[in-house]
Amino acid sequence: MSTKLSTNYQHGRRRSRPDSGGLPAAVVPSVDAQCRRDVIRAERGKSRRNTAAGGHIRRMVSAGLSQKAGMVLAAAGLALAVTVPTTTPPLAGSVSDASPVVEPAVTAAAGAPLDFARPQVSSSLDADGKLHQTLAVSADHVTAAAAKGVLSAPLDSPQQTSGFGGRVNPLTGEMGELHTGQDYGVACGSAVHVAAGGTVTGAGWHPYGGGNRILVEHGNGLATTYNHLSEINVTVGQKLERGAQIALSGSTGASTGCHLHFEVTVDNAPVDPLGWL
């Protein structure tokens, strides 16, 4: 083919176009067609991009308009809900129809006494209340769990020494003696307090080693005694409240030094005081 083309060129049968850059005329149309196709494709791509951009803009505008329309409709609905009056008539006997009730005036004589005293209330958290509840039955029927904590310590700073039970008598050296109370080491002249409310049924000298002694009955067979006192500050028949000072400690009677011998008795029989404190 190249031989034929060269021959044709030599004989002048086909001449190259002046603007073809020296290419044969048969080749130029194919190059022009390719260029036209490229231009058409580029124009189509540009058109598609413009179309897509226009659609996106239209969607944004549509969404904005929809949102604004929704806000307008919501505002209109709110205005309707607020401004539309109710047509339901008021119920008979409603507050708007009720007449004011006039309460009668409270009056009292000029000299009438006014009592603002609080009622007496007992609870298991109150020591005297617990004591009264515990002694609702005879003291000899009170369980150890119920008895615990119903009495208060007879001294401000109790220091336990000799306890309840068998021991060696410190005066005679006798073995197996029953110590009938709880001893507290304390200086002579220290304040002694009653362990619970009650009535003084004994106040004076005790002939069996207790020295100056106070006996207080608490009810239903429960009693407490305070021994070896240097001073007694109560009288028989006196009513006492829990914690009241009743005496000063000492070393009178069968004692080897200043201390308080504290006893708890149930139906006149001594029991361990620690079971009630």
C-alpha atoms as a PDB file:
ATOM      1  CA  MET A   1       0.000   0.000   0.000  1.00  0.00           C
ATOM      2  CA  SER A   2       2.818   2.355   0.752  1.00  0.00           C
ATOM      3  CA  THR A   3       4.107   1.763  -2.788  1.00  0.00           C
ATOM      4  CA  LYS A   4       0.732   2.723  -4.239  1.00  0.00           C
ATOM      5  CA  LEU A   5       0.489   5.822  -2.178  1.00  0.00           C
ATOM      6  CA  SER A   6       3.927   6.942  -3.161  1.00  0.00           C
ATOM      7  CA  THR A   7       3.104   6.279  -6.816  1.00  0.00           C
ATOM      8  CA  ASN A   8      -0.061   8.263  -6.587  1.00  0.00           C
ATOM      9  CA  TYR A   9       1.781  11.115  -4.983  1.00  0.00           C
ATOM     10  CA  GLN A  10       4.353  11.057  -7.718  1.00  0.00           C
ATOM     11  CA  HIS A  11       1.729  11.179 -10.457  1.00  0.00           C
ATOM     12  CA  GLY A  12      -0.291  13.878  -8.744  1.00  0.00           C
ATOM     13  CA  ARG A  13      -3.476  11.829  -8.568  1.00  0.00           C
ATOM     14  CA  ARG A  14      -3.953  12.655  -4.843  1.00  0.00           C
ATOM     15  CA  ARG A  15      -2.557  15.708  -3.275  1.00  0.00           C
ATOM     16  CA  SER A  16      -2.178  16.527   0.377  1.00  0.00           C
ATOM     17  CA  ARG A  17      -4.324  19.287   1.869  1.00  0.00           C
ATOM     18  CA  PRO A  18      -2.427  22.451   2.680  1.00  0.00           C
ATOM     19  CA  ASP A  19      -3.533  22.291   6.371  1.00  0.00           C
ATOM     20  CA  SER A  20      -3.073  18.572   6.866  1.00  0.00           C
ATOM     21  CA  GLY A  21       0.486  18.798   8.058  1.00  0.00           C
ATOM     22  CA  GLY A  22       1.700  16.654   5.248  1.00  0.00           C
ATOM     23  CA  LEU A  23      -0.716  13.784   5.950  1.00  0.00           C
ATOM     24  CA  PRO A  24      -2.526  12.145   3.099  1.00  0.00           C
ATOM     25  CA  ALA A  25      -6.066  13.333   2.382  1.00  0.00           C
ATOM     26  CA  ALA A  26      -7.436   9.839   3.068  1.00  0.00           C
ATOM     27  CA  VAL A  27      -6.015   9.995   6.602  1.00  0.00           C
ATOM     28  CA  VAL A  28      -7.224  13.490   7.519  1.00  0.00           C
ATOM     29  CA  PRO A  29     -10.948  12.692   7.592  1.00  0.00           C
ATOM     30  CA  SER A  30     -10.353   9.932  10.154  1.00  0.00           C
ATOM     31  CA  VAL A  31      -8.404  12.318  12.382  1.00  0.00           C
ATOM     32  CA  ASP A  32     -11.152  14.956  12.101  1.00  0.00           C
ATOM     33  CA  ALA A  33     -13.798  12.423  12.976  1.00  0.00           C
ATOM     34  CA  GLN A  34     -11.898  11.371  16.075  1.00  0.00           C
ATOM     35  CA  CYS A  35     -11.564  14.996  17.171  1.00  0.00           C
ATOM     36  CA  ARG A  36     -15.271  15.578  16.656  1.00  0.00           C
ATOM     37  CA  ARG A  37     -16.083  12.517  18.768  1.00  0.00           C
ATOM     38  CA  ASP A  38     -13.816  13.761  21.560  1.00  0.00           C
ATOM     39  CA  VAL A  39     -15.472  17.175  21.475  1.00  0.00           C
ATOM     40  CA  ILE A  40     -18.937  15.625  21.550  1.00  0.00           C
ATOM     41  CA  ARG A  41     -18.009  13.436  24.524  1.00  0.00           C
ATOM     42  CA  ALA A  42     -16.582  16.416  26.396  1.00  0.00           C
ATOM     43  CA  GLU A  43     -19.749  18.431  25.733  1.00  0.00           C
ATOM     44  CA  ARG A  44     -21.928  15.550  26.939  1.00  0.00           C
ATOM     45  CA  GLY A  45     -19.882  15.172  30.139  1.00  0.00           C
ATOM     46  CA  LYS A  46     -20.171  18.891  30.803  1.00  0.00           C
ATOM     47  CA  SER A  47     -23.913  18.711  30.188  1.00  0.00           C
ATOM     48  CA  ARG A  48     -24.278  15.785  32.602  1.00  0.00           C
ATOM     49  CA  ARG A  49     -22.291  17.601  35.307  1.00  0.00           C
ATOM     50  CA  ASN A  50     -24.378  20.702  34.869  1.00  0.00           C
ATOM     51  CA  THR A  51     -27.541  18.627  35.036  1.00  0.00           C
ATOM     52  CA  ALA A  52     -26.399  16.882  38.245  1.00  0.00           C
ATOM     53  CA  ALA A  53     -25.404  20.197  39.844  1.00  0.00           C
ATOM     54  CA  GLY A  54     -28.726  21.706  38.890  1.00  0.00           C
ATOM     55  CA  GLY A  55     -30.573  18.749  40.406  1.00  0.00           C
ATOM     56  CA  HIS A  56     -28.632  19.056  43.665  1.00  0.00           C
ATOM     57  CA  ILE A  57     -29.428  22.760  43.840  1.00  0.00           C
ATOM     58  CA  ARG A  58     -33.092  22.058  43.138  1.00  0.00           C
ATOM     59  CA  ARG A  59     -33.164  19.437  45.927  1.00  0.00           C
ATOM     60  CA  MET A  60     -31.549  21.868  48.400  1.00  0.00           C
ATOM     61  CA  VAL A  61     -34.016  24.585  47.478  1.00  0.00           C
ATOM     62  CA  SER A  62     -36.903  22.134  47.736  1.00  0.00           C
ATOM     63  CA  ALA A  63     -35.733  20.925  51.173  1.00  0.00           C
ATOM     64  CA  GLY A  64     -35.358  24.515  52.382  1.00  0.00           C
ATOM     65  CA  LEU A  65     -38.810  25.379  51.169  1.00  0.00           C
ATOM     66  CA  SER A  66     -40.252  22.232  52.792  1.00  0.00           C
ATOM     67  CA  GLN A  67     -38.618  23.105  56.106  1.00  0.00           C
ATOM     68  CA  LYS A  68     -39.905  26.667  55.957  1.00  0.00           C
ATOM     69  CA  ALA A  69     -43.365  25.418  55.016  1.00  0.00           C
ATOM     70  CA  GLY A  70     -43.306  22.991  57.958  1.00  0.00           C
ATOM     71  CA  MET A  71     -42.345  25.782  60.352  1.00  0.00           C
ATOM     72  CA  VAL A  72     -45.107  27.987  59.003  1.00  0.00           C
ATOM     73  CA  LEU A  73     -47.678  25.180  59.352  1.00  0.00           C
ATOM     74  CA  ALA A  74     -46.488  24.358  62.903  1.00  0.00           C
ATOM     75  CA  ALA A  75     -46.752  28.001  63.900  1.00  0.00           C
ATOM     76  CA  ALA A  76     -50.189  28.192  62.384  1.00  0.00           C
ATOM     77  CA  GLY A  77     -51.280  25.033  64.238  1.00  0.00           C
ATOM     78  CA  LEU A  78     -49.934  26.418  67.513  1.00  0.00           C
ATOM     79  CA  ALA A  79     -51.792  29.658  66.948  1.00  0.00           C
ATOM     80  CA  LEU A  80     -54.967  27.716  66.256  1.00  0.00           C
ATOM     81  CA  ALA A  81     -54.502  25.585  69.358  1.00  0.00           C
ATOM     82  CA  VAL A  82     -54.024  28.674  71.488  1.00  0.00           C
ATOM     83  CA  THR A  83     -56.677  30.889  70.017  1.00  0.00           C
ATOM     84  CA  VAL A  84     -59.557  28.436  69.479  1.00  0.00           C
ATOM     85  CA  PRO A  85     -61.890  28.907  72.465  1.00  0.00           C
ATOM     86  CA  THR A  86     -63.482  25.976  74.263  1.00  0.00           C
ATOM     87  CA  THR A  87     -67.177  25.459  73.851  1.00  0.00           C
ATOM     88  CA  THR A  88     -67.599  23.186  76.926  1.00  0.00           C
ATOM     89  CA  PRO A  89     -69.775  24.881  79.555  1.00  0.00           C
ATOM     90  CA  PRO A  90     -68.489  24.902  83.170  1.00  0.00           C
ATOM     91  CA  LEU A  91     -69.684  22.060  85.362  1.00  0.00           C
ATOM     92  CA  ALA A  92     -72.283  22.778  87.969  1.00  0.00           C
ATOM     93  CA  GLY A  93     -70.800  23.144  91.410  1.00  0.00           C
ATOM     94  CA  SER A  94     -67.338  24.005  90.080  1.00  0.00           C
ATOM     95  CA  VAL A  95     -64.972  26.360  91.825  1.00  0.00           C
ATOM     96  CA  SER A  96     -66.228  29.313  89.832  1.00  0.00           C
ATOM     97  CA  ASP A  97     -69.784  28.680  91.097  1.00  0.00           C
ATOM     98  CA  ALA A  98     -68.846  27.860  94.716  1.00  0.00           C
ATOM     99  CA  SER A  99     -69.593  30.406  97.397  1.00  0.00           C
ATOM    100  CA  PRO A 100     -66.862  31.142  99.959  1.00  0.00           C
ATOM    101  CA  VAL A 101     -67.210  29.165 103.190  1.00  0.00           C
ATOM    102  CA  VAL A 102     -66.981  31.292 106.286  1.00  0.00           C
ATOM    103  CA  GLU A 103     -65.498  29.437 109.247  1.00  0.00           C
ATOM    104  CA  PRO A 104     -66.841  30.372 112.677  1.00  0.00           C
ATOM    105  CA  ALA A 105     -64.458  32.394 114.813  1.00  0.00           C
ATOM    106  CA  VAL A 106     -62.681  30.544 117.640  1.00  0.00           C
ATOM    107  CA  THR A 107     -63.100  32.343 120.933  1.00  0.00           C
ATOM    108  CA  ALA A 108     -61.984  31.725 124.494  1.00  0.00           C
ATOM    109  CA  ALA A 109     -62.422  33.430 127.821  1.00  0.00           C
ATOM    110  CA  ALA A 110     -59.848  36.056 128.705  1.00  0.00           C
ATOM    111  CA  GLY A 111     -58.462  34.040 131.612  1.00  0.00           C
ATOM    112  CA  ALA A 112     -58.542  30.600 129.937  1.00  0.00           C
ATOM    113  CA  PRO A 113     -55.230  28.703 130.390  1.00  0.00           C
ATOM    114  CA  LEU A 114     -53.314  27.670 127.279  1.00  0.00           C
ATOM    115  CA  ASP A 115     -51.400  24.393 127.474  1.00  0.00           C
ATOM    116  CA  PHE A 116     -48.538  23.883 125.024  1.00  0.00           C
ATOM    117  CA  ALA A 117     -47.078  20.829 126.801  1.00  0.00           C
ATOM    118  CA  ARG A 118     -45.885  18.063 124.481  1.00  0.00           C
ATOM    119  CA  PRO A 119     -47.447  14.629 124.986  1.00  0.00           C
ATOM    120  CA  GLN A 120     -45.304  12.029 126.682  1.00  0.00           C
ATOM    121  CA  VAL A 121     -44.078   9.618 124.031  1.00  0.00           C
ATOM    122  CA  SER A 122     -41.972   6.508 124.686  1.00  0.00           C
ATOM    123  CA  SER A 123     -40.084   4.427 122.150  1.00  0.00           C
ATOM    124  CA  SER A 124     -37.564   1.630 122.096  1.00  0.00           C
ATOM    125  CA  LEU A 125     -34.862   4.274 121.493  1.00  0.00           C
ATOM    126  CA  ASP A 126     -35.730   6.040 124.757  1.00  0.00           C
ATOM    127  CA  ALA A 127     -34.132   4.343 127.795  1.00  0.00           C
ATOM    128  CA  ASP A 128     -37.062   4.993 130.153  1.00  0.00           C
ATOM    129  CA  GLY A 129     -39.546   3.962 127.467  1.00  0.00           C
ATOM    130  CA  LYS A 130     -37.631   0.723 126.970  1.00  0.00           C
ATOM    131  CA  LEU A 131     -37.536   0.158 130.723  1.00  0.00           C
ATOM    132  CA  HIS A 132     -41.307   0.593 131.003  1.00  0.00           C
ATOM    133  CA  GLN A 133     -41.903  -1.764 128.094  1.00  0.00           C
ATOM    134  CA  THR A 134     -39.508  -4.328 129.567  1.00  0.00           C
ATOM    135  CA  LEU A 135     -41.153  -4.194 132.989  1.00  0.00           C
ATOM    136  CA  ALA A 136     -44.632  -4.715 131.546  1.00  0.00           C
ATOM    137  CA  VAL A 137     -44.072  -8.238 132.855  1.00  0.00           C
ATOM    138  CA  SER A 138     -42.437  -9.311 136.094  1.00  0.00           C
ATOM    139  CA  ALA A 139     -38.703  -8.614 136.118  1.00  0.00           C
ATOM    140  CA  ASP A 140     -37.942 -12.279 136.678  1.00  0.00           C
ATOM    141  CA  HIS A 141     -39.521 -13.060 133.267  1.00  0.00           C
ATOM    142  CA  VAL A 142     -37.437 -10.528 131.358  1.00  0.00           C
ATOM    143  CA  THR A 143     -35.015 -12.124 128.898  1.00  0.00           C
ATOM    144  CA  ALA A 144     -31.355 -11.155 128.799  1.00  0.00           C
ATOM    145  CA  ALA A 145     -31.763  -9.560 125.354  1.00  0.00           C
ATOM    146  CA  ALA A 146     -34.702  -7.442 126.539  1.00  0.00           C
ATOM    147  CA  ALA A 147     -32.918  -6.413 129.750  1.00  0.00           C
ATOM    148  CA  LYS A 148     -29.740  -5.206 128.070  1.00  0.00           C
ATOM    149  CA  GLY A 149     -29.431  -1.404 128.076  1.00  0.00           C
ATOM    150  CA  VAL A 150     -32.486  -0.476 130.144  1.00  0.00           C
ATOM    151  CA  LEU A 151     -30.286   0.912 132.955  1.00  0.00           C
ATOM    152  CA  SER A 152     -27.710   3.703 132.770  1.00  0.00           C
ATOM    153  CA  ALA A 153     -24.242   3.758 134.319  1.00  0.00           C
ATOM    154  CA  PRO A 154     -24.297   5.177 137.890  1.00  0.00           C
ATOM    155  CA  LEU A 155     -21.074   7.194 137.407  1.00  0.00           C
ATOM    156  CA  ASP A 156     -19.907   9.767 134.910  1.00  0.00           C
ATOM    157  CA  SER A 157     -16.704   7.816 134.170  1.00  0.00           C
ATOM    158  CA  PRO A 158     -17.233   4.242 135.355  1.00  0.00           C
ATOM    159  CA  GLN A 159     -14.105   2.085 135.723  1.00  0.00           C
ATOM    160  CA  GLN A 160     -15.050  -1.551 136.311  1.00  0.00           C
ATOM    161  CA  THR A 161     -13.062  -3.451 138.941  1.00  0.00           C
ATOM    162  CA  SER A 162     -14.475  -6.476 140.767  1.00  0.00           C
ATOM    163  CA  GLY A 163     -17.433  -8.016 138.913  1.00  0.00           C
ATOM    164  CA  PHE A 164     -20.486 -10.055 139.849  1.00  0.00           C
ATOM    165  CA  GLY A 165     -19.929 -13.692 140.930  1.00  0.00           C
ATOM    166  CA  GLY A 166     -17.658 -15.835 143.069  1.00  0.00           C
ATOM    167  CA  ARG A 167     -14.420 -14.351 144.342  1.00  0.00           C
ATOM    168  CA  VAL A 168     -11.996 -14.272 147.265  1.00  0.00           C
ATOM    169  CA  ASN A 169     -13.230 -11.935 150.029  1.00  0.00           C
ATOM    170  CA  PRO A 170     -10.699  -9.054 150.110  1.00  0.00           C
ATOM    171  CA  LEU A 171     -11.204  -8.593 153.881  1.00  0.00           C
ATOM    172  CA  THR A 172     -11.321 -12.163 155.165  1.00  0.00           C
ATOM    173  CA  GLY A 173      -9.592 -14.088 152.360  1.00  0.00           C
ATOM    174  CA  GLU A 174     -12.538 -16.508 152.270  1.00  0.00           C
ATOM    175  CA  MET A 175     -12.789 -18.491 149.035  1.00  0.00           C
ATOM    176  CA  GLY A 176     -15.936 -18.724 146.900  1.00  0.00           C
ATOM    177  CA  GLU A 177     -17.747 -15.711 148.284  1.00  0.00           C
ATOM    178  CA  LEU A 178     -20.604 -14.440 146.076  1.00  0.00           C
ATOM    179  CA  HIS A 179     -19.936 -10.852 145.109  1.00  0.00           C
ATOM    180  CA  THR A 180     -23.467  -9.518 144.655  1.00  0.00           C
ATOM    181  CA  GLY A 181     -22.754  -6.447 142.511  1.00  0.00           C
ATOM    182  CA  GLN A 182     -20.411  -4.600 140.184  1.00  0.00           C
ATOM    183  CA  ASP A 183     -17.617  -2.508 141.730  1.00  0.00           C
ATOM    184  CA  TYR A 184     -16.367   0.712 140.140  1.00  0.00           C
ATOM    185  CA  GLY A 185     -13.095   2.304 141.117  1.00  0.00           C
ATOM    186  CA  VAL A 186     -13.694   6.002 141.736  1.00  0.00           C
ATOM    187  CA  ALA A 187     -12.355   8.749 143.970  1.00  0.00           C
ATOM    188  CA  CYS A 188     -14.245   9.513 147.164  1.00  0.00           C
ATOM    189  CA  GLY A 189     -16.718  12.351 146.773  1.00  0.00           C
ATOM    190  CA  SER A 190     -17.577  11.572 143.105  1.00  0.00           C
ATOM    191  CA  ALA A 191     -21.202  12.113 142.022  1.00  0.00           C
ATOM    192  CA  VAL A 192     -23.400   9.015 142.006  1.00  0.00           C
ATOM    193  CA  HIS A 193     -26.453   8.959 139.677  1.00  0.00           C
ATOM    194  CA  VAL A 194     -29.607   6.852 139.738  1.00  0.00           C
ATOM    195  CA  ALA A 195     -29.591   4.292 136.932  1.00  0.00           C
ATOM    196  CA  ALA A 196     -33.283   4.798 136.000  1.00  0.00           C
ATOM    197  CA  GLY A 197     -36.389   6.587 137.143  1.00  0.00           C
ATOM    198  CA  GLY A 198     -37.933   5.212 140.320  1.00  0.00           C
ATOM    199  CA  THR A 199     -38.794   5.699 143.988  1.00  0.00           C
ATOM    200  CA  VAL A 200     -36.375   5.759 146.917  1.00  0.00           C
ATOM    201  CA  THR A 201     -37.371   2.989 149.323  1.00  0.00           C
ATOM    202  CA  GLY A 202     -34.207   2.937 151.432  1.00  0.00           C
ATOM    203  CA  ALA A 203     -31.636   5.597 152.393  1.00  0.00           C
ATOM    204  CA  GLY A 204     -29.300   5.074 155.370  1.00  0.00           C
ATOM    205  CA  TRP A 205     -26.888   2.728 157.030  1.00  0.00           C
ATOM    206  CA  HIS A 206     -26.787  -0.871 155.831  1.00  0.00           C
ATOM    207  CA  PRO A 207     -25.937  -3.331 158.648  1.00  0.00           C
ATOM    208  CA  TYR A 208     -24.526  -6.024 156.341  1.00  0.00           C
ATOM    209  CA  GLY A 209     -21.433  -4.274 155.041  1.00  0.00           C
ATOM    210  CA  GLY A 210     -22.973  -1.828 152.542  1.00  0.00           C
ATOM    211  CA  GLY A 211     -22.247   1.230 154.733  1.00  0.00           C
ATOM    212  CA  ASN A 212     -24.254   4.272 153.628  1.00  0.00           C
ATOM    213  CA  ARG A 213     -26.670   2.755 151.136  1.00  0.00           C
ATOM    214  CA  ILE A 214     -29.550   3.858 148.866  1.00  0.00           C
ATOM    215  CA  LEU A 215     -32.243   1.487 147.540  1.00  0.00           C
ATOM    216  CA  VAL A 216     -34.386   2.555 144.529  1.00  0.00           C
ATOM    217  CA  GLU A 217     -37.418   0.579 143.266  1.00  0.00           C
ATOM    218  CA  HIS A 218     -38.070   0.762 139.499  1.00  0.00           C
ATOM    219  CA  GLY A 219     -41.244  -1.336 139.335  1.00  0.00           C
ATOM    220  CA  ASN A 220     -42.299  -4.944 138.772  1.00  0.00           C
ATOM    221  CA  GLY A 221     -39.601  -6.386 141.033  1.00  0.00           C
ATOM    222  CA  LEU A 222     -36.593  -4.457 139.580  1.00  0.00           C
ATOM    223  CA  ALA A 223     -34.455  -2.467 142.048  1.00  0.00           C
ATOM    224  CA  THR A 224     -30.937  -0.979 142.300  1.00  0.00           C
ATOM    225  CA  THR A 225     -28.699  -0.259 145.313  1.00  0.00           C
ATOM    226  CA  TYR A 226     -25.739   2.126 145.746  1.00  0.00           C
ATOM    227  CA  ASN A 227     -23.289   1.228 148.513  1.00  0.00           C
ATOM    228  CA  HIS A 228     -20.296   2.561 150.515  1.00  0.00           C
ATOM    229  CA  LEU A 229     -21.449   6.179 150.031  1.00  0.00           C
ATOM    230  CA  SER A 230     -19.815   9.080 151.806  1.00  0.00           C
ATOM    231  CA  GLU A 231     -22.968  11.215 151.521  1.00  0.00           C
ATOM    232  CA  ILE A 232     -26.665  10.556 150.824  1.00  0.00           C
ATOM    233  CA  ASN A 233     -28.660  13.280 149.012  1.00  0.00           C
ATOM    234  CA  VAL A 234     -32.164  11.718 148.809  1.00  0.00           C
ATOM    235  CA  THR A 235     -34.914  10.683 151.219  1.00  0.00           C
ATOM    236  CA  VAL A 236     -37.253   7.705 151.383  1.00  0.00           C
ATOM    237  CA  GLY A 237     -40.354   8.159 149.206  1.00  0.00           C
ATOM    238  CA  GLN A 238     -38.655  10.615 146.840  1.00  0.00           C
ATOM    239  CA  LYS A 239     -39.439  10.208 143.122  1.00  0.00           C
ATOM    240  CA  LEU A 240     -36.377  10.245 140.908  1.00  0.00           C
ATOM    241  CA  GLU A 241     -35.726  10.695 137.227  1.00  0.00           C
ATOM    242  CA  ARG A 242     -33.011   8.791 135.398  1.00  0.00           C
ATOM    243  CA  GLY A 243     -29.561  10.311 135.864  1.00  0.00           C
ATOM    244  CA  ALA A 244     -30.409  12.408 138.937  1.00  0.00           C
ATOM    245  CA  GLN A 245     -27.539  12.792 141.417  1.00  0.00           C
ATOM    246  CA  ILE A 246     -28.396  10.899 144.592  1.00  0.00           C
ATOM    247  CA  ALA A 247     -25.124  10.642 146.573  1.00  0.00           C
ATOM    248  CA  LEU A 248     -21.343  10.944 146.718  1.00  0.00           C
ATOM    249  CA  SER A 249     -19.057   7.930 146.561  1.00  0.00           C
ATOM    250  CA  GLY A 250     -17.033   6.828 149.591  1.00  0.00           C
ATOM    251  CA  SER A 251     -15.597   3.866 151.519  1.00  0.00           C
ATOM    252  CA  THR A 252     -18.085   3.286 154.332  1.00  0.00           C
ATOM    253  CA  GLY A 253     -19.037  -0.196 155.562  1.00  0.00           C
ATOM    254  CA  ALA A 254     -17.080  -3.295 154.570  1.00  0.00           C
ATOM    255  CA  SER A 255     -14.730  -1.574 152.137  1.00  0.00           C
ATOM    256  CA  THR A 256     -11.006  -1.512 151.461  1.00  0.00           C
ATOM    257  CA  GLY A 257     -10.992   1.888 149.708  1.00  0.00           C
ATOM    258  CA  CYS A 258     -13.051   4.447 147.825  1.00  0.00           C
ATOM    259  CA  HIS A 259     -15.331   2.777 145.303  1.00  0.00           C
ATOM    260  CA  LEU A 260     -18.996   2.278 144.415  1.00  0.00           C
ATOM    261  CA  HIS A 261     -20.648  -1.096 144.872  1.00  0.00           C
ATOM    262  CA  PHE A 262     -23.633  -1.113 142.463  1.00  0.00           C
ATOM    263  CA  GLU A 263     -26.286  -3.832 142.712  1.00  0.00           C
ATOM    264  CA  VAL A 264     -29.292  -4.871 140.600  1.00  0.00           C
ATOM    265  CA  THR A 265     -31.911  -7.094 142.200  1.00  0.00           C
ATOM    266  CA  VAL A 266     -34.906  -8.907 140.661  1.00  0.00           C
ATOM    267  CA  ASP A 267     -37.514  -9.852 143.256  1.00  0.00           C
ATOM    268  CA  ASN A 268     -34.856  -9.131 145.948  1.00  0.00           C
ATOM    269  CA  ALA A 269     -32.362 -11.579 144.382  1.00  0.00           C
ATOM    270  CA  PRO A 270     -29.068 -10.104 143.109  1.00  0.00           C
ATOM    271  CA  VAL A 271     -28.293 -10.460 139.380  1.00  0.00           C
ATOM    272  CA  ASP A 272     -25.347  -9.395 137.225  1.00  0.00           C
ATOM    273  CA  PRO A 273     -25.672  -5.615 136.713  1.00  0.00           C
ATOM    274  CA  LEU A 274     -23.876  -5.798 133.375  1.00  0.00           C
ATOM    275  CA  GLY A 275     -26.845  -7.717 131.987  1.00  0.00           C
ATOM    276  CA  TRP A 276     -29.000  -4.599 132.511  1.00  0.00           C
ATOM    277  CA  LEU A 277     -26.507  -1.852 131.665  1.00  0.00           C
END
